Amino acid sequence: SALAKVRAMRSGSAAFVALVLLISVVGADVVSYAERLLLRDEAAEMVAHAYDAYMAHGYPWDELKPLSCEGRRWDRRERGTLDDNLGGYALTLVDSLSTLALMRDGPRLRRAVQLVARDVHFDRDVIVSVFESTIRVLGGLLSAHELSLQIPGLLGASYGGELLHLAVDLAERLMPAFSTPTGLPVHRVHLRDGVVRSEKRETCTAAAGTLLVEFGALSRLTGDGRYEAVARRGLDALWTRRSKLGLMGTTIDVDSGRWIDTHSGIGAGIDSYYEYLLKGGLLLGDEELVTRFEASYEAVQAHTKHGEFNIEVSMQQGKAALHSHRVSALQAFWPGLQVAYGDLAAGKASHLAFLGLWRKHQSLPELFDTASQRIVHFARDAPLRPEFVESTFHLYEATGDPHYLDVGREQLHALQNLTRVRCGFASIADVRTHKLDDRMDSYFISETLKYLWLLFDHSLEPAHRGSLFCASVEEKTFTRNETRPCINASETLFSTEGHIFMLPPLAISHDETCRSPPTSAATVNQTASC
């Protein structure tokens, strides 16, 4: 089956995984073993510097302004729609939970959980993005809670499921967004009042189609199938409106289902829709979603691939009608997704193209025009995005090629030399001059630094590794008798925000009925497909 094939390609046989681990330990001669140890520890220090700066100067506001050394206020909306991710719910704190857990940073993690349980609530007079609050906040809460089920005591001896309770409360406040004739969710919702009358009735494909992992996980953890059902209905509504070529548009009317912007690509506005076809299928054991991804992948590669990069084309006419030659920094996730799907050769080629672009400025501009070979004038910034380092990590995991350690080292040094400031790390306002912007998005800790740390940690021998992932294929899933509990990486997936979710066994049927909320790792697996 398509699902079994992708799962097999993703995890590989035990012999292949063992070989990759061996290559990663003894074959990485570009970056010496001693330097890999130092780079892993330097990445850990970067996490501490960013997180501690937020806690000292940004908390309890959602994000840190690293140049001003103060929090970004959700109630001022200084940047217009860019601030739709802010909700007054300590966004960076919640978004950092899975990173702290993965790094086994017990003191910071346990304190963070205590603060979230004490201070975070969602009965707020604020309008937020359904997409951003789902992937960052709902995902952050659920991932940390699910990890605690795998490793009891991870969040502290006093933890009693508070993160799951908060996740349910948030999800209920997001549910009104799905009450549309098509099932496509409205882009924004008021956390207290639901969808306001003045709210725009259009959304982008990525926003409507990147909810199933988190909502599906919530259904699995609570036994309430409503959450998965509404997210799946929205995803189905998009799928039925694909063009005859199998391509998606960029923005759509949630009431009529009519496409508004009909250009197609893999960048901003569409990107993570493709990611969640595959990951939603893997998480929920859903054969149909994986088959949809396979068809979409073939269509995208056939019609948007133009030279080294994927560009934008008409969703109806494909490569016969080019829309633009612009390449978005967000597209750098694509090599990692190609690796997850099993198209390793294409992933390597895609990553190499982005590496060439990255090396021009030690960062990726938000938009680059491949026809003119120039940065788009209104998109010269580089806001500490994770996609390129994410793909670098996944390619190293899949190949053990030391080249990717060298690329990671370049990225680490660039972040340290160009963006580090006294109060955290600052985004780059202009990649040509490296002028800085007063911005440190929550994803910098939840994704960018997480993948950078994992890259070097996973290049080390098992005895020297620090992550929550088991260090060798021989290790089993956590049991209470282990002195150093761990989880098997092949039994997990990363959400689009870098949060970790457990995959179900292939044997579980997608039609199995959920009856009661799981209370342990064992019962989580019993309801994994709901």
Protein backbone atom coordinates (compact mmCIF):
# COMPACT_ATOMS: atom_id res chain seq x y z
CA SER A 1 0.00 0.00 0.00
CA ALA A 2 1.02 3.64 -0.40
CA LEU A 3 1.06 4.13 3.37
CA ALA A 4 3.22 1.11 4.01
CA LYS A 5 5.58 2.09 1.22
CA VAL A 6 6.13 5.59 2.58
CA ARG A 7 6.52 4.33 6.15
CA ALA A 8 9.06 1.79 4.93
CA MET A 9 10.99 4.38 2.93
CA ARG A 10 10.85 6.77 5.84
CA SER A 11 12.15 4.45 8.53
CA GLY A 12 14.10 1.94 6.45
CA SER A 13 15.15 -1.49 7.53
CA ALA A 14 17.07 -1.94 10.76
CA ALA A 15 20.19 -2.79 8.79
CA PHE A 16 19.96 0.39 6.71
CA VAL A 17 19.36 2.60 9.76
CA ALA A 18 22.32 0.97 11.51
CA LEU A 19 24.46 1.67 8.46
CA VAL A 20 23.40 5.33 8.44
CA LEU A 21 24.25 5.61 12.13
CA LEU A 22 27.65 4.04 11.46
CA ILE A 23 28.32 6.44 8.60
CA SER A 24 27.29 9.40 10.75
CA VAL A 25 29.77 8.41 13.45
CA VAL A 26 32.84 7.32 11.51
CA GLY A 27 32.41 8.95 8.11
CA ALA A 28 31.99 12.61 8.95
CA ASP A 29 35.56 13.71 8.29
CA VAL A 30 34.69 17.17 6.95
CA VAL A 31 33.81 18.28 10.48
CA SER A 32 35.99 16.52 13.05
CA TYR A 33 34.42 14.63 15.92
CA ALA A 34 35.79 17.08 18.46
CA GLU A 35 34.30 19.97 16.53
CA ARG A 36 30.93 18.23 16.28
CA LEU A 37 30.86 17.98 20.05
CA LEU A 38 31.63 21.69 20.30
CA LEU A 39 29.05 22.62 17.66
CA ARG A 40 26.36 20.61 19.43
CA ASP A 41 27.16 22.37 22.70
CA GLU A 42 27.29 25.74 20.96
CA ALA A 43 23.84 25.13 19.49
CA ALA A 44 22.59 24.25 22.99
CA GLU A 45 24.02 27.52 24.29
CA MET A 46 22.22 29.36 21.48
CA VAL A 47 18.93 27.83 22.60
CA ALA A 48 19.63 28.90 26.18
CA HIS A 49 20.59 32.42 25.07
CA ALA A 50 17.44 32.87 22.98
CA TYR A 51 15.09 31.28 25.51
CA ASP A 52 16.56 33.02 28.56
CA ALA A 53 16.46 36.37 26.74
CA TYR A 54 12.77 35.85 26.01
CA MET A 55 12.06 34.89 29.62
CA ALA A 56 14.02 37.86 30.97
CA HIS A 57 12.76 40.53 28.56
CA GLY A 58 9.77 39.19 26.61
CA TYR A 59 7.69 37.00 28.90
CA PRO A 60 4.71 37.01 29.42
CA TRP A 61 4.25 38.73 26.04
CA ASP A 62 4.18 36.43 23.04
CA GLU A 63 7.50 37.22 21.42
CA LEU A 64 10.74 39.03 22.13
CA LYS A 65 11.90 42.21 20.43
CA PRO A 66 15.64 41.48 20.67
CA LEU A 67 16.96 44.92 19.76
CA SER A 68 14.60 46.75 22.12
CA CYS A 69 14.98 44.05 24.80
CA GLU A 70 11.24 44.02 25.44
CA GLY A 71 8.19 41.94 24.64
CA ARG A 72 6.10 42.36 21.51
CA ARG A 73 2.66 43.46 22.66
CA TRP A 74 -0.25 41.54 21.19
CA ASP A 75 -2.66 44.40 21.91
CA ARG A 76 -0.87 46.98 19.74
CA ARG A 77 -0.84 45.13 16.42
CA GLU A 78 2.19 47.14 15.30
CA ARG A 79 2.76 45.05 12.18
CA GLY A 80 -0.78 44.51 10.92
CA THR A 81 -1.65 40.95 9.89
CA LEU A 82 1.87 39.79 10.74
CA ASP A 83 0.75 40.02 14.36
CA ASP A 84 -2.18 37.62 13.86
CA ASN A 85 -0.05 34.94 15.53
CA LEU A 86 -0.02 36.95 18.77
CA GLY A 87 -2.75 36.17 21.26
CA GLY A 88 -1.42 37.12 24.67
CA TYR A 89 -0.79 33.46 25.48
CA ALA A 90 2.99 33.44 26.01
CA LEU A 91 3.51 32.14 22.48
CA THR A 92 7.29 31.67 22.63
CA LEU A 93 7.06 29.83 25.95
CA VAL A 94 4.51 27.34 24.63
CA ASP A 95 6.27 26.97 21.29
CA SER A 96 9.57 26.15 23.05
CA LEU A 97 8.27 23.24 25.15
CA SER A 98 9.10 20.45 22.71
CA THR A 99 12.60 21.84 22.11
CA LEU A 100 13.36 21.87 25.82
CA ALA A 101 11.95 18.35 26.11
CA LEU A 102 13.92 17.02 23.17
CA MET A 103 17.13 18.48 24.60
CA ARG A 104 16.38 16.99 28.03
CA ASP A 105 16.63 20.46 29.59
CA GLY A 106 14.74 19.39 32.70
CA PRO A 107 14.98 22.55 34.82
CA ARG A 108 13.84 24.92 32.06
CA LEU A 109 11.19 22.48 30.84
CA ARG A 110 9.59 21.84 34.23
CA ARG A 111 9.55 25.54 35.07
CA ALA A 112 8.05 26.33 31.66
CA VAL A 113 5.26 23.80 32.19
CA GLN A 114 4.50 25.30 35.59
CA LEU A 115 4.30 28.79 34.07
CA VAL A 116 2.08 27.64 31.21
CA ALA A 117 -0.28 25.91 33.66
CA ARG A 118 -0.37 28.99 35.87
CA ASP A 119 -0.42 31.87 33.40
CA VAL A 120 -1.73 30.77 30.01
CA HIS A 121 -5.44 30.94 29.28
CA PHE A 122 -7.51 31.46 26.15
CA ASP A 123 -10.55 33.38 27.39
CA ARG A 124 -9.15 36.45 25.70
CA ASP A 125 -10.45 39.48 23.80
CA VAL A 126 -8.24 38.94 20.77
CA ILE A 127 -8.48 37.80 17.15
CA VAL A 128 -5.86 35.25 16.11
CA SER A 129 -4.89 33.24 13.07
CA VAL A 130 -6.43 29.76 13.21
CA PHE A 131 -3.42 28.39 11.35
CA GLU A 132 -0.73 30.00 13.52
CA SER A 133 -2.44 29.28 16.83
CA THR A 134 -2.92 25.66 15.73
CA ILE A 135 0.61 24.86 14.64
CA ARG A 136 2.38 26.90 17.33
CA VAL A 137 0.19 26.83 20.43
CA LEU A 138 -2.05 23.79 20.04
CA GLY A 139 0.88 21.84 18.60
CA GLY A 140 3.24 22.94 21.35
CA LEU A 141 0.83 21.92 24.10
CA LEU A 142 -0.05 18.56 22.55
CA SER A 143 3.50 17.58 21.69
CA ALA A 144 4.79 18.17 25.20
CA HIS A 145 1.83 16.32 26.70
CA GLU A 146 2.24 13.36 24.35
CA LEU A 147 5.96 13.14 25.14
CA SER A 148 5.06 13.01 28.82
CA LEU A 149 2.88 9.97 28.12
CA GLN A 150 5.84 8.26 26.49
CA ILE A 151 8.20 9.23 29.31
CA PRO A 152 6.36 9.67 32.62
CA GLY A 153 7.91 12.33 34.82
CA LEU A 154 9.33 14.25 31.85
CA LEU A 155 7.29 17.36 32.69
CA GLY A 156 7.73 17.04 36.44
CA ALA A 157 6.27 14.85 39.14
CA SER A 158 3.35 17.22 39.71
CA TYR A 159 2.23 17.34 36.07
CA GLY A 160 -1.41 16.31 35.82
CA GLY A 161 -2.41 16.81 32.20
CA GLU A 162 -2.74 20.60 32.35
CA LEU A 163 -1.32 21.03 28.83
CA LEU A 164 -3.95 18.72 27.34
CA HIS A 165 -6.72 20.58 29.16
CA LEU A 166 -5.43 23.86 27.73
CA ALA A 167 -5.23 22.32 24.27
CA VAL A 168 -8.88 21.24 24.45
CA ASP A 169 -9.92 24.74 25.53
CA LEU A 170 -8.02 26.35 22.66
CA ALA A 171 -9.36 23.91 20.09
CA GLU A 172 -12.93 24.54 21.18
CA ARG A 173 -12.39 28.27 20.66
CA LEU A 174 -11.04 27.61 17.15
CA MET A 175 -13.90 25.30 16.15
CA PRO A 176 -16.29 28.10 15.02
CA ALA A 177 -13.88 28.85 12.18
CA PHE A 178 -14.93 25.59 10.48
CA SER A 179 -18.65 26.46 10.38
CA THR A 180 -18.72 27.40 6.70
CA PRO A 181 -20.72 25.99 3.77
CA THR A 182 -17.61 24.35 2.33
CA GLY A 183 -15.93 23.26 5.54
CA LEU A 184 -12.94 25.45 4.72
CA PRO A 185 -12.01 27.29 7.93
CA VAL A 186 -12.16 31.06 8.19
CA HIS A 187 -8.63 32.42 8.51
CA ARG A 188 -9.07 34.23 11.84
CA VAL A 189 -11.23 33.76 14.91
CA HIS A 190 -11.93 35.75 18.07
CA LEU A 191 -10.92 33.58 21.02
CA ARG A 192 -13.92 34.67 23.07
CA ASP A 193 -16.60 35.53 20.51
CA GLY A 194 -15.88 33.18 17.60
CA VAL A 195 -15.91 34.48 14.02
CA VAL A 196 -16.74 38.18 13.91
CA ARG A 197 -19.05 39.49 11.18
CA SER A 198 -16.39 41.67 9.60
CA GLU A 199 -13.95 38.81 9.14
CA LYS A 200 -12.74 38.26 5.57
CA ARG A 201 -14.13 35.17 3.88
CA GLU A 202 -10.96 34.10 2.14
CA THR A 203 -8.05 32.00 3.24
CA CYS A 204 -4.94 30.49 1.71
CA THR A 205 -4.45 26.83 0.90
CA ALA A 206 -1.72 26.36 3.51
CA ALA A 207 -3.81 27.91 6.29
CA ALA A 208 -6.84 25.75 5.53
CA GLY A 209 -4.86 22.58 4.84
CA THR A 210 -2.32 22.55 7.66
CA LEU A 211 -4.44 21.63 10.66
CA LEU A 212 -4.89 17.87 10.50
CA VAL A 213 -1.78 16.78 12.42
CA GLU A 214 -2.65 18.84 15.49
CA PHE A 215 -6.42 18.34 15.37
CA GLY A 216 -5.96 14.67 14.58
CA ALA A 217 -3.56 14.27 17.50
CA LEU A 218 -6.07 15.97 19.78
CA SER A 219 -8.78 13.53 18.73
CA ARG A 220 -6.38 10.67 19.39
CA LEU A 221 -5.54 11.97 22.85
CA THR A 222 -9.09 12.82 23.94
CA GLY A 223 -11.26 10.28 22.16
CA ASP A 224 -13.28 13.15 20.66
CA GLY A 225 -13.35 12.66 16.89
CA ARG A 226 -14.82 16.11 16.15
CA TYR A 227 -11.43 17.76 15.94
CA GLU A 228 -10.02 15.43 13.31
CA ALA A 229 -13.32 15.48 11.44
CA VAL A 230 -13.40 19.25 10.90
CA ALA A 231 -9.74 19.43 9.89
CA ARG A 232 -10.21 16.53 7.49
CA ARG A 233 -13.34 18.11 6.00
CA GLY A 234 -11.36 21.27 5.25
CA LEU A 235 -8.56 19.25 3.67
CA ASP A 236 -11.10 17.31 1.59
CA ALA A 237 -12.69 20.57 0.44
CA LEU A 238 -9.36 21.72 -0.94
CA TRP A 239 -8.64 18.38 -2.61
CA THR A 240 -11.95 18.32 -4.48
CA ARG A 241 -11.15 21.78 -5.92
CA ARG A 242 -7.78 20.87 -7.41
CA SER A 243 -7.36 21.54 -11.12
CA LYS A 244 -7.40 18.87 -13.81
CA LEU A 245 -3.61 18.96 -13.63
CA GLY A 246 -3.75 18.16 -9.91
CA LEU A 247 -2.56 21.63 -8.86
CA MET A 248 -3.87 23.88 -6.11
CA GLY A 249 -4.50 27.61 -6.16
CA THR A 250 -3.20 29.99 -3.49
CA THR A 251 -6.25 31.68 -1.96
CA ILE A 252 -9.87 30.57 -1.87
CA ASP A 253 -13.30 31.83 -0.76
CA VAL A 254 -14.38 29.76 2.25
CA ASP A 255 -18.09 30.17 1.52
CA SER A 256 -18.28 29.48 -2.19
CA GLY A 257 -15.13 27.43 -2.61
CA ARG A 258 -14.15 29.63 -5.55
CA TRP A 259 -10.45 30.15 -6.14
CA ILE A 260 -9.35 33.78 -5.81
CA ASP A 261 -5.62 33.53 -6.62
CA THR A 262 -5.11 30.72 -9.09
CA HIS A 263 -1.33 30.53 -9.33
CA SER A 264 0.27 27.40 -7.95
CA GLY A 265 3.65 26.51 -6.45
CA ILE A 266 5.22 25.20 -3.27
CA GLY A 267 5.94 28.51 -1.54
CA ALA A 268 3.99 30.93 0.63
CA GLY A 269 0.26 30.26 0.69
CA ILE A 270 0.45 26.58 -0.34
CA ASP A 271 3.64 25.04 1.10
CA SER A 272 2.56 23.12 4.20
CA TYR A 273 -0.66 21.86 2.56
CA TYR A 274 1.49 19.29 0.77
CA GLU A 275 3.39 18.54 3.96
CA TYR A 276 0.20 17.69 5.84
CA LEU A 277 -1.16 15.44 3.12
CA LEU A 278 1.83 13.20 3.75
CA LYS A 279 2.23 13.73 7.49
CA GLY A 280 -1.50 13.60 8.17
CA GLY A 281 -1.62 10.29 6.34
CA LEU A 282 1.30 8.93 8.32
CA LEU A 283 -0.01 10.13 11.69
CA LEU A 284 -3.54 8.88 11.20
CA GLY A 285 -2.72 5.74 9.26
CA ASP A 286 -4.75 7.14 6.36
CA GLU A 287 -3.95 5.47 3.04
CA GLU A 288 -6.02 7.92 1.02
CA LEU A 289 -4.10 10.97 2.21
CA VAL A 290 -0.76 9.41 1.31
CA THR A 291 -2.10 8.54 -2.13
CA ARG A 292 -3.24 12.15 -2.53
CA PHE A 293 0.24 13.33 -1.62
CA GLU A 294 1.80 11.03 -4.21
CA ALA A 295 -0.47 12.42 -6.92
CA SER A 296 0.15 16.00 -5.79
CA TYR A 297 3.90 15.47 -5.69
CA GLU A 298 3.95 14.18 -9.25
CA ALA A 299 1.84 17.13 -10.44
CA VAL A 300 4.00 19.69 -8.65
CA GLN A 301 7.25 18.27 -9.99
CA ALA A 302 5.84 17.99 -13.50
CA HIS A 303 4.50 21.53 -13.72
CA THR A 304 6.36 23.83 -11.32
CA LYS A 305 9.93 22.53 -11.57
CA HIS A 306 11.84 25.00 -13.74
CA GLY A 307 15.58 24.48 -13.75
CA GLU A 308 16.94 24.19 -10.22
CA PHE A 309 13.85 25.51 -8.45
CA ASN A 310 10.09 25.14 -8.32
CA ILE A 311 8.41 28.34 -9.48
CA GLU A 312 4.80 29.56 -9.79
CA VAL A 313 2.49 28.54 -12.63
CA SER A 314 -1.19 28.66 -13.49
CA MET A 315 -3.09 25.94 -11.63
CA GLN A 316 -5.18 25.34 -14.77
CA GLN A 317 -2.47 25.45 -17.44
CA GLY A 318 0.59 24.42 -15.48
CA LYS A 319 4.00 25.00 -17.05
CA ALA A 320 2.33 26.29 -20.21
CA ALA A 321 1.49 29.51 -18.31
CA LEU A 322 4.20 30.69 -15.92
CA HIS A 323 3.03 33.09 -13.23
CA SER A 324 6.39 34.18 -11.80
CA HIS A 325 9.98 33.01 -11.37
CA ARG A 326 9.98 33.94 -7.70
CA VAL A 327 11.36 31.49 -5.17
CA SER A 328 10.28 31.87 -1.54
CA ALA A 329 12.54 31.12 1.44
CA LEU A 330 9.64 29.01 2.72
CA GLN A 331 10.23 26.60 -0.16
CA ALA A 332 13.43 25.40 1.50
CA PHE A 333 11.25 22.89 3.39
CA TRP A 334 10.76 20.96 0.14
CA PRO A 335 14.05 18.97 0.19
CA GLY A 336 13.18 17.67 3.66
CA LEU A 337 9.70 16.65 2.51
CA GLN A 338 11.21 14.91 -0.50
CA VAL A 339 13.41 12.94 1.88
CA ALA A 340 10.38 12.00 4.02
CA TYR A 341 8.64 10.76 0.89
CA GLY A 342 11.67 8.77 -0.17
CA ASP A 343 12.79 10.78 -3.21
CA LEU A 344 16.31 11.21 -1.88
CA ALA A 345 18.00 12.14 -5.17
CA ALA A 346 15.51 14.96 -5.78
CA GLY A 347 15.89 16.13 -2.17
CA LYS A 348 19.65 16.36 -2.56
CA ALA A 349 19.33 18.36 -5.77
CA SER A 350 16.75 20.74 -4.29
CA HIS A 351 18.90 21.32 -1.21
CA LEU A 352 21.97 22.03 -3.35
CA ALA A 353 20.05 24.73 -5.22
CA PHE A 354 19.03 26.44 -1.99
CA LEU A 355 22.56 26.14 -0.65
CA GLY A 356 23.87 28.10 -3.62
CA LEU A 357 21.32 30.83 -2.97
CA TRP A 358 21.98 30.82 0.78
CA ARG A 359 25.73 31.19 0.34
CA LYS A 360 25.31 34.45 -1.56
CA HIS A 361 24.16 36.22 1.60
CA GLN A 362 24.59 33.70 4.46
CA SER A 363 20.81 33.70 4.61
CA LEU A 364 17.81 33.18 2.34
CA PRO A 365 15.92 36.31 1.25
CA GLU A 366 12.16 36.02 1.52
CA LEU A 367 11.79 36.19 -2.26
CA PHE A 368 14.32 35.71 -5.05
CA ASP A 369 13.60 36.05 -8.77
CA THR A 370 15.39 33.33 -10.70
CA ALA A 371 14.80 35.04 -14.06
CA SER A 372 16.50 38.33 -13.14
CA GLN A 373 18.74 36.71 -10.52
CA ARG A 374 17.78 39.46 -8.12
CA ILE A 375 16.17 39.70 -4.72
CA VAL A 376 12.61 40.98 -4.93
CA HIS A 377 12.83 44.57 -3.66
CA PHE A 378 10.10 44.29 -1.01
CA ALA A 379 11.30 40.94 0.31
CA ARG A 380 14.94 41.42 1.22
CA ASP A 381 14.55 40.26 4.81
CA ALA A 382 15.42 36.91 6.39
CA PRO A 383 13.45 36.37 9.61
CA LEU A 384 15.48 33.50 11.14
CA ARG A 385 13.41 30.93 9.26
CA PRO A 386 13.93 27.20 9.92
CA GLU A 387 13.19 25.57 6.57
CA PHE A 388 16.73 25.34 5.21
CA VAL A 389 18.30 23.98 8.38
CA GLU A 390 15.32 21.62 8.72
CA SER A 391 16.04 20.13 5.31
CA THR A 392 19.76 19.99 6.13
CA PHE A 393 18.97 17.93 9.22
CA HIS A 394 16.67 15.52 7.40
CA LEU A 395 19.17 14.98 4.61
CA TYR A 396 21.91 14.22 7.10
CA GLU A 397 19.64 11.80 8.93
CA ALA A 398 18.86 10.02 5.67
CA THR A 399 22.38 9.89 4.25
CA GLY A 400 24.96 10.34 7.01
CA ASP A 401 26.82 12.51 4.48
CA PRO A 402 29.27 14.83 6.31
CA HIS A 403 28.58 17.48 3.68
CA TYR A 404 25.42 18.36 5.57
CA LEU A 405 27.35 18.83 8.80
CA ASP A 406 29.53 21.31 6.96
CA VAL A 407 26.41 23.13 5.73
CA GLY A 408 25.01 23.14 9.27
CA ARG A 409 28.25 24.57 10.58
CA GLU A 410 27.99 27.41 8.07
CA GLN A 411 24.43 28.13 9.16
CA LEU A 412 25.35 28.09 12.85
CA HIS A 413 28.26 30.49 12.33
CA ALA A 414 26.11 32.81 10.23
CA LEU A 415 23.46 32.99 12.95
CA GLN A 416 26.09 33.64 15.60
CA ASN A 417 28.04 36.23 13.60
CA LEU A 418 25.18 38.08 11.92
CA THR A 419 22.13 37.85 14.17
CA ARG A 420 23.20 37.34 17.79
CA VAL A 421 22.58 40.33 20.04
CA ARG A 422 22.55 40.90 23.78
CA CYS A 423 18.86 40.04 24.08
CA GLY A 424 18.60 36.96 21.91
CA PHE A 425 18.83 36.81 18.11
CA ALA A 426 17.51 39.39 15.67
CA SER A 427 16.08 38.79 12.22
CA ILE A 428 17.88 40.21 9.22
CA ALA A 429 16.05 43.19 7.70
CA ASP A 430 18.16 43.27 4.53
CA VAL A 431 20.29 40.32 3.47
CA ARG A 432 22.51 42.58 1.35
CA THR A 433 23.70 44.72 4.26
CA HIS A 434 22.82 42.40 7.17
CA LYS A 435 20.97 45.24 8.86
CA LEU A 436 18.92 43.74 11.71
CA ASP A 437 15.22 43.82 12.48
CA ASP A 438 13.69 43.95 15.98
CA ARG A 439 12.11 40.52 15.63
CA MET A 440 12.64 37.02 17.04
CA ASP A 441 9.72 34.79 16.07
CA SER A 442 8.74 31.91 18.31
CA TYR A 443 9.65 29.40 15.60
CA PHE A 444 13.32 30.32 15.98
CA ILE A 445 13.46 28.21 19.15
CA SER A 446 10.81 25.65 18.24
CA GLU A 447 12.34 24.90 14.84
CA THR A 448 15.51 26.66 13.69
CA LEU A 449 17.62 26.02 16.77
CA LYS A 450 16.00 22.63 17.44
CA TYR A 451 17.02 21.26 14.04
CA LEU A 452 20.47 22.82 14.29
CA TRP A 453 21.10 21.19 17.67
CA LEU A 454 19.73 17.84 16.51
CA LEU A 455 21.95 17.88 13.43
CA PHE A 456 25.13 17.87 15.48
CA ASP A 457 23.78 15.79 18.35
CA HIS A 458 22.83 12.99 15.98
CA SER A 459 26.30 13.02 14.44
CA LEU A 460 27.78 11.80 17.72
CA GLU A 461 28.33 8.32 19.09
CA PRO A 462 25.42 6.98 21.16
CA ALA A 463 27.21 7.56 24.47
CA HIS A 464 27.62 11.25 23.69
CA ARG A 465 24.16 12.05 22.39
CA GLY A 466 21.78 14.10 24.46
CA SER A 467 18.45 14.08 22.65
CA LEU A 468 15.26 12.36 23.74
CA PHE A 469 15.56 10.09 20.71
CA CYS A 470 17.07 6.66 21.24
CA ALA A 471 20.70 6.71 20.19
CA SER A 472 20.76 3.35 18.41
CA VAL A 473 18.35 1.12 16.57
CA GLU A 474 18.79 -1.61 19.16
CA GLU A 475 17.16 0.49 21.89
CA LYS A 476 13.48 -0.12 22.45
CA THR A 477 10.63 2.19 23.37
CA PHE A 478 10.74 3.47 26.91
CA THR A 479 9.99 1.15 29.80
CA ARG A 480 9.91 2.15 33.43
CA ASN A 481 13.07 0.15 34.16
CA GLU A 482 15.31 2.20 31.87
CA THR A 483 17.68 4.65 33.50
CA ARG A 484 17.71 6.93 30.45
CA PRO A 485 14.29 6.77 28.79
CA CYS A 486 14.06 7.56 25.11
CA ILE A 487 11.73 7.40 22.14
CA ASN A 488 12.45 5.86 18.74
CA ALA A 489 12.80 8.53 16.07
CA SER A 490 11.27 6.21 13.46
CA GLU A 491 8.04 6.21 15.49
CA THR A 492 7.70 10.00 15.41
CA LEU A 493 7.14 12.82 12.98
CA PHE A 494 7.82 16.53 13.17
CA SER A 495 4.90 18.88 12.62
CA THR A 496 5.28 21.90 10.35
CA GLU A 497 6.27 23.83 13.50
CA GLY A 498 8.86 21.25 14.52
CA HIS A 499 6.76 19.68 17.28
CA ILE A 500 7.08 15.94 17.84
CA PHE A 501 4.15 13.55 17.51
CA MET A 502 4.08 9.80 17.90
CA LEU A 503 3.14 7.67 14.90
CA PRO A 504 0.69 4.78 15.29
CA PRO A 505 1.58 1.18 14.42
CA LEU A 506 0.68 0.33 10.84
CA ALA A 507 -1.58 -2.44 12.10
CA ILE A 508 -4.09 -0.01 13.60
CA SER A 509 -7.14 0.53 11.44
CA HIS A 510 -8.17 4.08 10.58
CA ASP A 511 -11.80 3.09 11.22
CA GLU A 512 -11.20 2.13 14.83
CA THR A 513 -13.55 3.98 17.18
CA CYS A 514 -12.27 6.15 20.03
CA ARG A 515 -14.11 5.62 23.25
CA SER A 516 -12.12 7.11 26.13
CA PRO A 517 -9.19 9.49 26.58
CA PRO A 518 -5.83 7.68 26.82
CA THR A 519 -4.00 7.96 30.10
CA SER A 520 -0.75 6.19 29.30
CA ALA A 521 1.62 5.43 26.46
CA ALA A 522 -0.10 2.08 25.98
CA THR A 523 -3.58 3.54 25.64
CA VAL A 524 -2.32 6.30 23.37
CA ASN A 525 -1.47 3.61 20.84
CA GLN A 526 -4.91 2.05 21.25
CA THR A 527 -6.57 5.22 19.96
CA ALA A 528 -3.82 6.25 17.56
CA SER A 529 -5.94 6.23 14.42
CA CYS A 530 -9.04 8.06 15.65
